[in-house]
Structure formats: C-alpha cells, structure tokens
Amino acid sequence: MKNSLKSNMYERGLEGTWEIFGDYLSGAYEALLCVVSHSPLSETARAALQNSFAQRGYGAAAGTFLTICGNEPASGLPALTEKELFAAIEGLDPLLLVVADTPSMQLCSAAYRQEILPNQRGRLFGREMRSFASFETMLEDSKNKQAAWALLKSLPKFDA
C-alpha cells in the first residue's frame, strides 16, 4: 500500500509538471536525466547526449529536454523565470542534470542560488550535474568534443 501511494504521488507530480511546462519539455516522460538548454538543441546534439546516456546504462531515450525559451521559440512563449525553472526541474525530479549552455547555467545558478561553472562536474540540490558553456559548440571541434565526452563519461553508471 505504501509503495503504491508513494508511486502515485510521484506520478501526479510528474504529470502536473508536464501539464504546466509541456511547451518547454520534450523527450522522455520519466526524466531520469534532464538536459536544460536556452533554446532547442540540434538533433546532432540531442543524439550525442542520448548516446552518452545509453552508454552509462540509462537507456537510448532517457533524456528529458527542458528548453528555457520553449520548444518552438517562434511561438512567442515567454522564457522561463528562475522560479519556473526551479519548479520544472524539481517537478521532474531527475537523477542527473545536464546544463547545456551558458544562459542555462546562469538561470540555474540564480534558481538554485549556487554558482555553476562551465565545463564542470558537480552537484545541484543533491543531484549529479554536468555543465557546459556550449555543448553544441564543443561538438564542432575534435579537441572540445573529447572534453565533452570525458565530462559525460564521468556521469555515474546506472545499474538497473
């Protein structure tokens, strides 16, 4: 009984988060890993992240993508505020967080009242986090691509 109640509470919170922030979210519903970016990542960047997540044992489609300016920036949606970003991430309650660019790093830093440095591993509100000044730009050059892979390889392995 207790396990089903706990599971139901978690599912309701997750469902509510998707209802409120659905225009800013895409990818995996369960949000084992959450990737925060200012604008939508390219398919190449998304695939690279998903491949990294799969290599760490989370599955090929484990990432939930939270886009601060919305999935369709031309739609005129307002950018998320720091309070909204905090509510969205905590509502998803991911195991791991990847902050993909500097504007996202700045907003996450403000939302969590914690300095986040670029291209670092760390913890944010008790969860593992990896941050990038610009994940997309790092993929354009072999030296930076290797640095990005090294940082992603430092994510804990998931043993289901």
N, C-alpha and C. Protein backbone atom coordinates (compact mmCIF):
# COMPACT_ATOMS: atom_id res chain seq x y z
N MET A 1 0.82 -1.19 0.00
CA MET A 1 0.00 0.00 0.00
C MET A 1 0.86 1.25 0.00
N LYS A 2 1.88 1.30 0.87
CA LYS A 2 2.72 2.48 0.94
C LYS A 2 3.46 2.72 -0.37
N ASN A 3 3.99 1.66 -0.98
CA ASN A 3 4.71 1.83 -2.24
C ASN A 3 3.81 2.37 -3.34
N SER A 4 2.57 1.89 -3.41
CA SER A 4 1.67 2.38 -4.45
C SER A 4 1.29 3.84 -4.19
N LEU A 5 1.15 4.22 -2.93
CA LEU A 5 0.84 5.61 -2.59
C LEU A 5 2.00 6.51 -2.98
N LYS A 6 3.22 6.10 -2.63
CA LYS A 6 4.40 6.87 -2.99
C LYS A 6 4.52 6.99 -4.50
N SER A 7 4.35 5.90 -5.20
CA SER A 7 4.42 5.91 -6.66
C SER A 7 3.37 6.82 -7.25
N ASN A 8 2.15 6.75 -6.71
CA ASN A 8 1.06 7.59 -7.20
C ASN A 8 1.36 9.06 -6.96
N MET A 9 1.94 9.41 -5.81
CA MET A 9 2.29 10.80 -5.51
C MET A 9 3.33 11.31 -6.49
N TYR A 10 4.33 10.49 -6.77
CA TYR A 10 5.38 10.88 -7.71
C TYR A 10 4.78 11.08 -9.11
N GLU A 11 3.95 10.14 -9.54
CA GLU A 11 3.34 10.22 -10.86
C GLU A 11 2.48 11.46 -11.01
N ARG A 12 1.74 11.82 -9.97
CA ARG A 12 0.90 13.02 -10.04
C ARG A 12 1.76 14.28 -10.16
N GLY A 13 2.85 14.33 -9.41
CA GLY A 13 3.76 15.47 -9.50
C GLY A 13 4.37 15.58 -10.88
N LEU A 14 4.79 14.46 -11.42
CA LEU A 14 5.38 14.44 -12.76
C LEU A 14 4.35 14.84 -13.81
N GLU A 15 3.15 14.30 -13.67
CA GLU A 15 2.06 14.63 -14.61
C GLU A 15 1.75 16.13 -14.56
N GLY A 16 1.68 16.69 -13.37
CA GLY A 16 1.42 18.12 -13.22
C GLY A 16 2.52 18.97 -13.84
N THR A 17 3.75 18.54 -13.69
CA THR A 17 4.88 19.27 -14.27
C THR A 17 4.77 19.28 -15.78
N TRP A 18 4.44 18.14 -16.38
CA TRP A 18 4.28 18.09 -17.83
C TRP A 18 3.08 18.93 -18.28
N GLU A 19 2.02 18.97 -17.49
CA GLU A 19 0.86 19.80 -17.84
C GLU A 19 1.23 21.28 -17.84
N ILE A 20 1.97 21.71 -16.85
CA ILE A 20 2.33 23.12 -16.72
C ILE A 20 3.42 23.52 -17.70
N PHE A 21 4.45 22.68 -17.84
CA PHE A 21 5.64 23.06 -18.61
C PHE A 21 5.79 22.29 -19.92
N GLY A 22 4.75 21.64 -20.37
CA GLY A 22 4.83 20.80 -21.57
C GLY A 22 5.38 21.50 -22.80
N ASP A 23 5.11 22.80 -22.95
CA ASP A 23 5.63 23.53 -24.12
C ASP A 23 7.14 23.75 -24.03
N TYR A 24 7.73 23.46 -22.90
CA TYR A 24 9.16 23.63 -22.67
C TYR A 24 9.88 22.29 -22.57
N LEU A 25 9.13 21.19 -22.61
CA LEU A 25 9.69 19.86 -22.41
C LEU A 25 9.55 18.99 -23.65
N SER A 26 10.51 18.10 -23.82
CA SER A 26 10.43 17.08 -24.85
C SER A 26 11.30 15.90 -24.42
N GLY A 27 11.15 14.79 -25.10
CA GLY A 27 11.95 13.62 -24.77
C GLY A 27 11.23 12.71 -23.78
N ALA A 28 12.01 12.05 -22.96
CA ALA A 28 11.50 11.03 -22.04
C ALA A 28 10.57 11.63 -20.98
N TYR A 29 9.44 11.01 -20.80
CA TYR A 29 8.46 11.48 -19.82
C TYR A 29 8.98 11.31 -18.39
N GLU A 30 9.69 10.22 -18.11
CA GLU A 30 10.10 9.89 -16.75
C GLU A 30 11.25 10.74 -16.23
N ALA A 31 12.02 11.36 -17.10
CA ALA A 31 13.08 12.31 -16.71
C ALA A 31 14.14 11.72 -15.79
N LEU A 32 14.70 10.57 -16.15
CA LEU A 32 15.85 10.08 -15.40
C LEU A 32 16.98 11.10 -15.47
N LEU A 33 17.16 11.67 -16.66
CA LEU A 33 18.16 12.71 -16.87
C LEU A 33 17.45 13.91 -17.47
N CYS A 34 17.79 15.09 -17.02
CA CYS A 34 17.20 16.31 -17.57
C CYS A 34 18.32 17.15 -18.17
N VAL A 35 18.12 17.57 -19.41
CA VAL A 35 19.05 18.43 -20.11
C VAL A 35 18.40 19.80 -20.23
N VAL A 36 19.02 20.81 -19.66
CA VAL A 36 18.50 22.18 -19.72
C VAL A 36 19.29 22.95 -20.75
N SER A 37 18.58 23.60 -21.68
CA SER A 37 19.23 24.45 -22.68
C SER A 37 18.38 25.70 -22.88
N HIS A 38 19.03 26.73 -23.36
CA HIS A 38 18.34 28.00 -23.58
C HIS A 38 17.36 27.89 -24.74
N SER A 39 17.80 27.30 -25.83
CA SER A 39 16.95 27.07 -26.99
C SER A 39 17.07 25.60 -27.39
N PRO A 40 16.19 25.12 -28.26
CA PRO A 40 16.24 23.69 -28.60
C PRO A 40 17.60 23.28 -29.15
N LEU A 41 18.09 22.14 -28.68
CA LEU A 41 19.35 21.61 -29.18
C LEU A 41 19.13 20.98 -30.55
N SER A 42 20.18 20.96 -31.34
CA SER A 42 20.12 20.32 -32.65
C SER A 42 19.92 18.82 -32.48
N GLU A 43 19.45 18.19 -33.53
CA GLU A 43 19.28 16.73 -33.48
C GLU A 43 20.62 16.04 -33.22
N THR A 44 21.70 16.60 -33.77
CA THR A 44 23.03 16.03 -33.55
C THR A 44 23.40 16.07 -32.07
N ALA A 45 23.17 17.21 -31.43
CA ALA A 45 23.49 17.34 -30.01
C ALA A 45 22.60 16.44 -29.16
N ARG A 46 21.32 16.39 -29.48
CA ARG A 46 20.40 15.53 -28.73
C ARG A 46 20.81 14.07 -28.86
N ALA A 47 21.14 13.65 -30.08
CA ALA A 47 21.55 12.26 -30.31
C ALA A 47 22.85 11.95 -29.56
N ALA A 48 23.78 12.89 -29.56
CA ALA A 48 25.05 12.68 -28.85
C ALA A 48 24.80 12.50 -27.35
N LEU A 49 23.92 13.32 -26.79
CA LEU A 49 23.59 13.18 -25.36
C LEU A 49 22.89 11.86 -25.09
N GLN A 50 21.90 11.52 -25.91
CA GLN A 50 21.17 10.26 -25.70
C GLN A 50 22.11 9.07 -25.81
N ASN A 51 23.06 9.11 -26.77
CA ASN A 51 24.03 8.03 -26.89
C ASN A 51 24.90 7.92 -25.65
N SER A 52 25.29 9.04 -25.10
CA SER A 52 26.09 9.04 -23.87
C SER A 52 25.28 8.46 -22.71
N PHE A 53 24.02 8.85 -22.62
CA PHE A 53 23.16 8.32 -21.56
C PHE A 53 23.02 6.81 -21.69
N ALA A 54 22.86 6.33 -22.93
CA ALA A 54 22.73 4.89 -23.16
C ALA A 54 24.01 4.16 -22.75
N GLN A 55 25.16 4.74 -23.06
CA GLN A 55 26.43 4.12 -22.69
C GLN A 55 26.62 4.06 -21.18
N ARG A 56 25.98 4.95 -20.44
CA ARG A 56 26.08 4.95 -18.99
C ARG A 56 25.00 4.06 -18.35
N GLY A 57 24.16 3.43 -19.19
CA GLY A 57 23.19 2.47 -18.69
C GLY A 57 21.79 2.99 -18.46
N TYR A 58 21.50 4.22 -18.90
CA TYR A 58 20.19 4.82 -18.66
C TYR A 58 19.18 4.52 -19.77
N GLY A 59 19.64 4.01 -20.87
CA GLY A 59 18.75 3.72 -22.00
C GLY A 59 18.93 4.74 -23.11
N ALA A 60 18.52 4.34 -24.30
CA ALA A 60 18.75 5.15 -25.50
C ALA A 60 17.85 6.38 -25.60
N ALA A 61 16.80 6.45 -24.80
CA ALA A 61 15.90 7.60 -24.87
C ALA A 61 15.56 8.10 -23.47
N ALA A 62 16.56 8.17 -22.61
CA ALA A 62 16.32 8.50 -21.20
C ALA A 62 16.26 10.00 -20.91
N GLY A 63 16.75 10.81 -21.83
CA GLY A 63 16.83 12.24 -21.56
C GLY A 63 15.54 12.99 -21.77
N THR A 64 15.24 13.86 -20.81
CA THR A 64 14.16 14.82 -20.95
C THR A 64 14.83 16.16 -21.22
N PHE A 65 14.36 16.87 -22.23
CA PHE A 65 14.96 18.13 -22.64
C PHE A 65 14.06 19.28 -22.20
N LEU A 66 14.61 20.15 -21.38
CA LEU A 66 13.90 21.32 -20.86
C LEU A 66 14.51 22.55 -21.53
N THR A 67 13.71 23.21 -22.34
CA THR A 67 14.19 24.36 -23.12
C THR A 67 13.62 25.64 -22.52
N ILE A 68 14.49 26.50 -22.04
CA ILE A 68 14.08 27.71 -21.33
C ILE A 68 13.18 28.61 -22.17
N CYS A 69 13.44 28.69 -23.46
CA CYS A 69 12.63 29.56 -24.34
C CYS A 69 11.53 28.80 -25.05
N GLY A 70 11.29 27.56 -24.67
CA GLY A 70 10.22 26.77 -25.28
C GLY A 70 10.72 25.94 -26.45
N ASN A 71 9.96 24.91 -26.75
CA ASN A 71 10.32 24.00 -27.84
C ASN A 71 10.22 24.67 -29.20
N GLU A 72 9.37 25.65 -29.33
CA GLU A 72 9.17 26.40 -30.56
C GLU A 72 9.38 27.88 -30.27
N PRO A 73 10.64 28.35 -30.29
CA PRO A 73 10.89 29.75 -29.91
C PRO A 73 10.07 30.76 -30.71
N ALA A 74 9.72 30.44 -31.93
CA ALA A 74 8.92 31.37 -32.75
C ALA A 74 7.48 31.47 -32.25
N SER A 75 7.08 30.61 -31.31
CA SER A 75 5.71 30.61 -30.82
C SER A 75 5.40 31.82 -29.93
N GLY A 76 6.44 32.51 -29.49
CA GLY A 76 6.22 33.67 -28.65
C GLY A 76 6.05 33.35 -27.18
N LEU A 77 6.35 32.11 -26.77
CA LEU A 77 6.28 31.76 -25.35
C LEU A 77 7.30 32.59 -24.59
N PRO A 78 6.96 33.02 -23.39
CA PRO A 78 7.96 33.73 -22.58
C PRO A 78 9.02 32.75 -22.09
N ALA A 79 10.23 33.25 -21.91
CA ALA A 79 11.29 32.43 -21.33
C ALA A 79 10.92 32.12 -19.88
N LEU A 80 11.32 30.96 -19.42
CA LEU A 80 11.07 30.59 -18.03
C LEU A 80 11.83 31.52 -17.10
N THR A 81 11.22 31.85 -16.00
CA THR A 81 11.89 32.62 -14.95
C THR A 81 12.70 31.64 -14.10
N GLU A 82 13.51 32.17 -13.20
CA GLU A 82 14.29 31.28 -12.33
C GLU A 82 13.36 30.44 -11.44
N LYS A 83 12.27 31.02 -10.96
CA LYS A 83 11.33 30.26 -10.13
C LYS A 83 10.65 29.16 -10.94
N GLU A 84 10.28 29.48 -12.17
CA GLU A 84 9.65 28.46 -13.03
C GLU A 84 10.63 27.35 -13.38
N LEU A 85 11.88 27.73 -13.67
CA LEU A 85 12.89 26.71 -13.97
C LEU A 85 13.07 25.78 -12.77
N PHE A 86 13.17 26.35 -11.59
CA PHE A 86 13.30 25.55 -10.38
C PHE A 86 12.11 24.61 -10.24
N ALA A 87 10.90 25.13 -10.41
CA ALA A 87 9.68 24.30 -10.29
C ALA A 87 9.67 23.19 -11.33
N ALA A 88 10.10 23.48 -12.55
CA ALA A 88 10.10 22.47 -13.60
C ALA A 88 11.11 21.36 -13.29
N ILE A 89 12.32 21.73 -12.92
CA ILE A 89 13.33 20.71 -12.63
C ILE A 89 12.93 19.88 -11.42
N GLU A 90 12.49 20.54 -10.37
CA GLU A 90 12.12 19.79 -9.16
C GLU A 90 10.86 18.96 -9.39
N GLY A 91 9.97 19.42 -10.24
CA GLY A 91 8.79 18.63 -10.57
C GLY A 91 9.15 17.38 -11.35
N LEU A 92 10.14 17.49 -12.23
CA LEU A 92 10.61 16.32 -12.98
C LEU A 92 11.41 15.39 -12.08
N ASP A 93 12.14 15.98 -11.14
CA ASP A 93 12.96 15.24 -10.17
C ASP A 93 13.90 14.24 -10.84
N PRO A 94 14.76 14.72 -11.75
CA PRO A 94 15.68 13.80 -12.43
C PRO A 94 16.79 13.32 -11.51
N LEU A 95 17.37 12.18 -11.85
CA LEU A 95 18.53 11.69 -11.12
C LEU A 95 19.75 12.55 -11.43
N LEU A 96 19.86 12.96 -12.70
CA LEU A 96 21.02 13.71 -13.17
C LEU A 96 20.56 14.91 -13.96
N LEU A 97 21.39 15.95 -13.93
CA LEU A 97 21.09 17.18 -14.66
C LEU A 97 22.28 17.54 -15.54
N VAL A 98 21.98 17.88 -16.79
CA VAL A 98 23.00 18.38 -17.72
C VAL A 98 22.57 19.78 -18.13
N VAL A 99 23.44 20.75 -17.89
CA VAL A 99 23.17 22.14 -18.25
C VAL A 99 24.01 22.42 -19.49
N ALA A 100 23.33 22.67 -20.62
CA ALA A 100 23.98 22.60 -21.93
C ALA A 100 24.60 23.89 -22.44
N ASP A 101 24.34 25.03 -21.80
CA ASP A 101 24.88 26.28 -22.34
C ASP A 101 24.95 27.35 -21.25
N THR A 102 25.65 28.42 -21.56
CA THR A 102 25.87 29.48 -20.58
C THR A 102 24.59 30.16 -20.11
N PRO A 103 23.65 30.52 -20.98
CA PRO A 103 22.42 31.14 -20.45
C PRO A 103 21.67 30.22 -19.48
N SER A 104 21.67 28.93 -19.75
CA SER A 104 21.03 27.97 -18.85
C SER A 104 21.79 27.86 -17.54
N MET A 105 23.11 27.90 -17.63
CA MET A 105 23.94 27.87 -16.42
C MET A 105 23.62 29.06 -15.53
N GLN A 106 23.49 30.23 -16.15
CA GLN A 106 23.21 31.44 -15.39
C GLN A 106 21.84 31.38 -14.72
N LEU A 107 20.84 30.90 -15.46
CA LEU A 107 19.50 30.82 -14.88
C LEU A 107 19.43 29.75 -13.79
N CYS A 108 20.09 28.61 -14.02
CA CYS A 108 20.13 27.57 -12.98
C CYS A 108 20.86 28.07 -11.74
N SER A 109 21.95 28.80 -11.94
CA SER A 109 22.68 29.38 -10.81
C SER A 109 21.78 30.29 -9.98
N ALA A 110 21.01 31.12 -10.67
CA ALA A 110 20.08 32.03 -9.96
C ALA A 110 18.96 31.25 -9.29
N ALA A 111 18.41 30.26 -9.99
CA ALA A 111 17.28 29.50 -9.46
C ALA A 111 17.67 28.71 -8.21
N TYR A 112 18.87 28.16 -8.20
CA TYR A 112 19.31 27.31 -7.09
C TYR A 112 20.24 28.03 -6.11
N ARG A 113 20.49 29.31 -6.39
CA ARG A 113 21.36 30.11 -5.52
C ARG A 113 22.71 29.42 -5.30
N GLN A 114 23.25 28.91 -6.41
CA GLN A 114 24.53 28.19 -6.35
C GLN A 114 25.29 28.48 -7.65
N GLU A 115 26.54 28.85 -7.52
CA GLU A 115 27.34 29.13 -8.71
C GLU A 115 27.60 27.83 -9.47
N ILE A 116 27.33 27.88 -10.76
CA ILE A 116 27.62 26.76 -11.65
C ILE A 116 28.68 27.24 -12.62
N LEU A 117 29.76 26.49 -12.70
CA LEU A 117 30.86 26.85 -13.58
C LEU A 117 30.79 26.03 -14.86
N PRO A 118 31.27 26.61 -15.97
CA PRO A 118 31.19 25.89 -17.25
C PRO A 118 32.15 24.70 -17.31
N ASN A 119 31.70 23.69 -18.04
CA ASN A 119 32.50 22.51 -18.34
C ASN A 119 33.03 21.85 -17.07
N GLN A 120 32.12 21.66 -16.13
CA GLN A 120 32.47 21.09 -14.83
C GLN A 120 31.49 19.99 -14.45
N ARG A 121 31.94 19.15 -13.55
CA ARG A 121 31.04 18.21 -12.90
C ARG A 121 30.76 18.76 -11.52
N GLY A 122 29.58 18.49 -11.03
CA GLY A 122 29.23 18.98 -9.71
C GLY A 122 27.92 18.38 -9.25
N ARG A 123 27.37 18.99 -8.22
CA ARG A 123 26.09 18.57 -7.67
C ARG A 123 25.22 19.81 -7.55
N LEU A 124 23.95 19.63 -7.80
CA LEU A 124 23.00 20.72 -7.69
C LEU A 124 21.77 20.20 -6.95
N PHE A 125 21.54 20.73 -5.78
CA PHE A 125 20.38 20.35 -4.96
C PHE A 125 20.35 18.83 -4.74
N GLY A 126 21.53 18.26 -4.50
CA GLY A 126 21.63 16.83 -4.18
C GLY A 126 21.74 15.90 -5.37
N ARG A 127 21.70 16.41 -6.58
CA ARG A 127 21.79 15.52 -7.74
C ARG A 127 23.06 15.81 -8.52
N GLU A 128 23.56 14.78 -9.17
CA GLU A 128 24.73 14.94 -10.03
C GLU A 128 24.39 15.89 -11.17
N MET A 129 25.38 16.73 -11.54
CA MET A 129 25.16 17.70 -12.61
C MET A 129 26.45 17.82 -13.43
N ARG A 130 26.27 18.02 -14.72
CA ARG A 130 27.37 18.35 -15.61
C ARG A 130 26.97 19.61 -16.35
N SER A 131 27.91 20.55 -16.48
CA SER A 131 27.59 21.82 -17.12
C SER A 131 28.54 22.08 -18.28
N PHE A 132 28.01 22.75 -19.28
CA PHE A 132 28.77 23.07 -20.49
C PHE A 132 28.54 24.54 -20.84
N ALA A 133 29.61 25.22 -21.25
CA ALA A 133 29.46 26.58 -21.76
C ALA A 133 28.62 26.56 -23.02
N SER A 134 28.87 25.57 -23.89
CA SER A 134 28.05 25.34 -25.08
C SER A 134 28.32 23.94 -25.59
N PHE A 135 27.46 23.01 -25.21
CA PHE A 135 27.63 21.63 -25.65
C PHE A 135 27.65 21.54 -27.18
N GLU A 136 26.77 22.28 -27.83
CA GLU A 136 26.70 22.23 -29.30
C GLU A 136 28.01 22.67 -29.93
N THR A 137 28.59 23.76 -29.44
CA THR A 137 29.84 24.27 -30.00
C THR A 137 30.97 23.27 -29.76
N MET A 138 30.97 22.60 -28.63
CA MET A 138 32.03 21.63 -28.33
C MET A 138 32.03 20.48 -29.32
N LEU A 139 30.89 20.17 -29.90
CA LEU A 139 30.82 19.06 -30.86
C LEU A 139 31.44 19.41 -32.20
N GLU A 140 31.73 20.67 -32.44
CA GLU A 140 32.24 21.12 -33.74
C GLU A 140 33.74 20.92 -33.91
N ASP A 141 34.46 20.63 -32.86
CA ASP A 141 35.91 20.53 -32.94
C ASP A 141 36.36 19.31 -32.15
N SER A 142 37.29 18.54 -32.70
CA SER A 142 37.63 17.24 -32.11
C SER A 142 38.19 17.35 -30.69
N LYS A 143 39.00 18.36 -30.40
CA LYS A 143 39.56 18.51 -29.05
C LYS A 143 38.45 18.81 -28.05
N ASN A 144 37.57 19.74 -28.39
CA ASN A 144 36.45 20.07 -27.49
C ASN A 144 35.45 18.93 -27.39
N LYS A 145 35.28 18.20 -28.49
CA LYS A 145 34.37 17.06 -28.46
C LYS A 145 34.87 16.01 -27.46
N GLN A 146 36.19 15.78 -27.45
CA GLN A 146 36.76 14.83 -26.50
C GLN A 146 36.56 15.30 -25.05
N ALA A 147 36.69 16.61 -24.84
CA ALA A 147 36.46 17.15 -23.49
C ALA A 147 35.00 16.96 -23.07
N ALA A 148 34.07 17.17 -24.01
CA ALA A 148 32.65 16.97 -23.71
C ALA A 148 32.38 15.50 -23.38
N TRP A 149 32.96 14.59 -24.17
CA TRP A 149 32.75 13.16 -23.91
C TRP A 149 33.31 12.77 -22.56
N ALA A 150 34.49 13.31 -22.23
CA ALA A 150 35.10 12.99 -20.93
C ALA A 150 34.18 13.42 -19.78
N LEU A 151 33.59 14.58 -19.92
CA LEU A 151 32.69 15.07 -18.88
C LEU A 151 31.44 14.20 -18.78
N LEU A 152 30.89 13.82 -19.93
CA LEU A 152 29.70 12.96 -19.91
C LEU A 152 30.04 11.55 -19.40
N LYS A 153 31.24 11.08 -19.68
CA LYS A 153 31.64 9.76 -19.18
C LYS A 153 31.81 9.75 -17.67
N SER A 154 31.91 10.93 -17.07
CA SER A 154 32.02 11.00 -15.61
C SER A 154 30.65 10.87 -14.93
N LEU A 155 29.56 10.83 -15.71
CA LEU A 155 28.24 10.60 -15.11
C LEU A 155 28.24 9.21 -14.48
N PRO A 156 27.60 9.06 -13.34
CA PRO A 156 27.53 7.73 -12.71
C PRO A 156 26.82 6.74 -13.62
N LYS A 157 27.29 5.50 -13.56
CA LYS A 157 26.62 4.43 -14.31
C LYS A 157 25.32 4.08 -13.60
N PHE A 158 24.33 3.70 -14.40
CA PHE A 158 23.04 3.30 -13.86
C PHE A 158 22.95 1.79 -13.88
N ASP A 159 22.78 1.19 -12.73
CA ASP A 159 22.64 -0.25 -12.61
C ASP A 159 21.20 -0.55 -12.24
N ALA A 160 20.43 -0.93 -13.25
CA ALA A 160 19.01 -1.20 -13.02
C ALA A 160 18.79 -2.50 -12.28
